[in-house]
């Protein structure tokens, strides 16, 4: 059987950023920016709704709040997957005096 071509081999390999444990700080940072933006939008829409009482502002507030919660979960997931933090925590558990 013949070897797959070089482009075919690379097509099957996932990008490093798509693998768990790789580029986690970058991924957490990106989700953090989206979290901040969504939270700001939720806050703005809530403030506007308290003033104008328009239905679309209330809907937007709910949607942006839900997005904020969703992004918070993503940030936590990526922070928990940072391999350096896990190694430091294990070292601290083994050497509490250090």
C-alpha atoms as a PDB file:
ATOM      1  CA  UNK A   1       0.000   0.000   0.000  1.00  0.00           C
ATOM      2  CA  UNK A   2       1.340   3.436  -0.808  1.00  0.00           C
ATOM      3  CA  UNK A   3       2.015   6.236   1.673  1.00  0.00           C
ATOM      4  CA  UNK A   4      -0.550   9.049   1.885  1.00  0.00           C
ATOM      5  CA  UNK A   5       0.561  12.297   0.333  1.00  0.00           C
ATOM      6  CA  UNK A   6       1.903  15.070   2.556  1.00  0.00           C
ATOM      7  CA  UNK A   7      -1.220  17.278   2.210  1.00  0.00           C
ATOM      8  CA  UNK A   8      -3.409  14.272   3.034  1.00  0.00           C
ATOM      9  CA  UNK A   9      -1.402  13.598   6.208  1.00  0.00           C
ATOM     10  CA  UNK A  10      -1.741  17.219   7.350  1.00  0.00           C
ATOM     11  CA  UNK A  11      -5.461  17.226   6.570  1.00  0.00           C
ATOM     12  CA  UNK A  12      -5.981  14.513   9.202  1.00  0.00           C
ATOM     13  CA  UNK A  13      -3.833  16.176  11.877  1.00  0.00           C
ATOM     14  CA  UNK A  14      -5.813  18.635  13.997  1.00  0.00           C
ATOM     15  CA  UNK A  15      -4.493  22.132  14.478  1.00  0.00           C
ATOM     16  CA  UNK A  16      -2.563  22.406  17.766  1.00  0.00           C
ATOM     17  CA  UNK A  17      -4.984  25.032  19.095  1.00  0.00           C
ATOM     18  CA  UNK A  18      -7.843  22.526  18.780  1.00  0.00           C
ATOM     19  CA  UNK A  19      -6.192  20.028  21.159  1.00  0.00           C
ATOM     20  CA  UNK A  20      -6.910  20.060  24.883  1.00  0.00           C
ATOM     21  CA  UNK A  21      -3.997  21.307  26.949  1.00  0.00           C
ATOM     22  CA  UNK A  22      -2.451  23.342  24.136  1.00  0.00           C
ATOM     23  CA  UNK A  23      -2.763  27.136  23.834  1.00  0.00           C
ATOM     24  CA  UNK A  24      -5.127  27.156  26.830  1.00  0.00           C
ATOM     25  CA  UNK A  25      -4.061  30.625  27.969  1.00  0.00           C
ATOM     26  CA  UNK A  26      -4.844  32.010  24.498  1.00  0.00           C
ATOM     27  CA  UNK A  27      -8.212  30.245  24.392  1.00  0.00           C
ATOM     28  CA  UNK A  28      -9.107  31.434  27.906  1.00  0.00           C
ATOM     29  CA  UNK A  29      -8.104  34.985  26.962  1.00  0.00           C
ATOM     30  CA  UNK A  30     -10.269  34.993  23.855  1.00  0.00           C
ATOM     31  CA  UNK A  31     -13.259  33.680  25.782  1.00  0.00           C
ATOM     32  CA  UNK A  32     -12.503  36.263  28.493  1.00  0.00           C
ATOM     33  CA  UNK A  33     -12.751  39.076  25.958  1.00  0.00           C
ATOM     34  CA  UNK A  34     -16.080  37.704  24.729  1.00  0.00           C
ATOM     35  CA  UNK A  35     -17.232  37.365  28.356  1.00  0.00           C
ATOM     36  CA  UNK A  36     -16.393  40.995  29.065  1.00  0.00           C
ATOM     37  CA  UNK A  37     -18.120  42.172  25.900  1.00  0.00           C
ATOM     38  CA  UNK A  38     -21.248  40.119  26.587  1.00  0.00           C
ATOM     39  CA  UNK A  39     -21.399  41.316  30.197  1.00  0.00           C
ATOM     40  CA  UNK A  40     -21.064  44.934  29.082  1.00  0.00           C
ATOM     41  CA  UNK A  41     -23.819  44.457  26.492  1.00  0.00           C
ATOM     42  CA  UNK A  42     -26.067  42.826  29.108  1.00  0.00           C
ATOM     43  CA  UNK A  43     -25.458  45.722  31.482  1.00  0.00           C
ATOM     44  CA  UNK A  44     -26.171  48.320  28.798  1.00  0.00           C
ATOM     45  CA  UNK A  45     -29.367  46.602  27.663  1.00  0.00           C
ATOM     46  CA  UNK A  46     -30.564  46.239  31.249  1.00  0.00           C
ATOM     47  CA  UNK A  47     -29.921  49.917  31.939  1.00  0.00           C
ATOM     48  CA  UNK A  48     -31.704  50.902  28.730  1.00  0.00           C
ATOM     49  CA  UNK A  49     -34.625  48.604  29.558  1.00  0.00           C
ATOM     50  CA  UNK A  50     -35.058  50.180  33.015  1.00  0.00           C
ATOM     51  CA  UNK A  51     -35.371  53.562  31.294  1.00  0.00           C
ATOM     52  CA  UNK A  52     -37.435  52.721  28.170  1.00  0.00           C
ATOM     53  CA  UNK A  53     -39.168  49.384  28.963  1.00  0.00           C
ATOM     54  CA  UNK A  54     -38.942  48.138  25.381  1.00  0.00           C
ATOM     55  CA  UNK A  55     -39.373  44.406  24.881  1.00  0.00           C
ATOM     56  CA  UNK A  56     -36.318  43.948  22.655  1.00  0.00           C
ATOM     57  CA  UNK A  57     -34.096  45.423  25.371  1.00  0.00           C
ATOM     58  CA  UNK A  58     -35.388  42.886  27.891  1.00  0.00           C
ATOM     59  CA  UNK A  59     -34.806  40.067  25.395  1.00  0.00           C
ATOM     60  CA  UNK A  60     -31.310  41.344  24.645  1.00  0.00           C
ATOM     61  CA  UNK A  61     -30.561  41.516  28.380  1.00  0.00           C
ATOM     62  CA  UNK A  62     -31.562  37.877  28.791  1.00  0.00           C
ATOM     63  CA  UNK A  63     -29.580  36.730  25.770  1.00  0.00           C
ATOM     64  CA  UNK A  64     -26.419  38.608  26.726  1.00  0.00           C
ATOM     65  CA  UNK A  65     -26.700  37.383  30.322  1.00  0.00           C
ATOM     66  CA  UNK A  66     -26.997  33.785  29.092  1.00  0.00           C
ATOM     67  CA  UNK A  67     -24.006  34.329  26.807  1.00  0.00           C
ATOM     68  CA  UNK A  68     -22.035  35.718  29.749  1.00  0.00           C
ATOM     69  CA  UNK A  69     -22.740  32.597  31.803  1.00  0.00           C
ATOM     70  CA  UNK A  70     -21.824  30.397  28.817  1.00  0.00           C
ATOM     71  CA  UNK A  71     -18.525  32.233  28.324  1.00  0.00           C
ATOM     72  CA  UNK A  72     -17.738  32.110  32.056  1.00  0.00           C
ATOM     73  CA  UNK A  73     -18.026  28.324  31.861  1.00  0.00           C
ATOM     74  CA  UNK A  74     -15.690  28.286  28.839  1.00  0.00           C
ATOM     75  CA  UNK A  75     -13.110  30.464  30.581  1.00  0.00           C
ATOM     76  CA  UNK A  76     -13.157  28.186  33.644  1.00  0.00           C
ATOM     77  CA  UNK A  77     -12.798  25.118  31.413  1.00  0.00           C
ATOM     78  CA  UNK A  78      -9.715  26.541  29.700  1.00  0.00           C
ATOM     79  CA  UNK A  79      -8.147  27.788  32.929  1.00  0.00           C
ATOM     80  CA  UNK A  80      -8.611  24.338  34.473  1.00  0.00           C
ATOM     81  CA  UNK A  81      -6.911  22.764  31.441  1.00  0.00           C
ATOM     82  CA  UNK A  82      -3.704  24.817  31.696  1.00  0.00           C
ATOM     83  CA  UNK A  83      -1.038  22.144  32.256  1.00  0.00           C
ATOM     84  CA  UNK A  84       1.435  24.416  34.088  1.00  0.00           C
ATOM     85  CA  UNK A  85      -1.072  25.190  36.815  1.00  0.00           C
ATOM     86  CA  UNK A  86      -1.718  21.505  37.394  1.00  0.00           C
ATOM     87  CA  UNK A  87       2.010  20.794  37.747  1.00  0.00           C
ATOM     88  CA  UNK A  88       2.461  23.676  40.217  1.00  0.00           C
ATOM     89  CA  UNK A  89      -0.538  22.549  42.274  1.00  0.00           C
ATOM     90  CA  UNK A  90       0.807  18.996  42.458  1.00  0.00           C
ATOM     91  CA  UNK A  91       4.208  20.283  43.538  1.00  0.00           C
ATOM     92  CA  UNK A  92       2.645  22.415  46.266  1.00  0.00           C
ATOM     93  CA  UNK A  93       0.657  19.456  47.557  1.00  0.00           C
ATOM     94  CA  UNK A  94       3.809  17.351  47.757  1.00  0.00           C
ATOM     95  CA  UNK A  95       5.904  20.136  49.384  1.00  0.00           C
ATOM     96  CA  UNK A  96       3.605  22.261  51.564  1.00  0.00           C
ATOM     97  CA  UNK A  97       6.566  24.062  53.169  1.00  0.00           C
ATOM     98  CA  UNK A  98       7.941  25.285  49.808  1.00  0.00           C
END
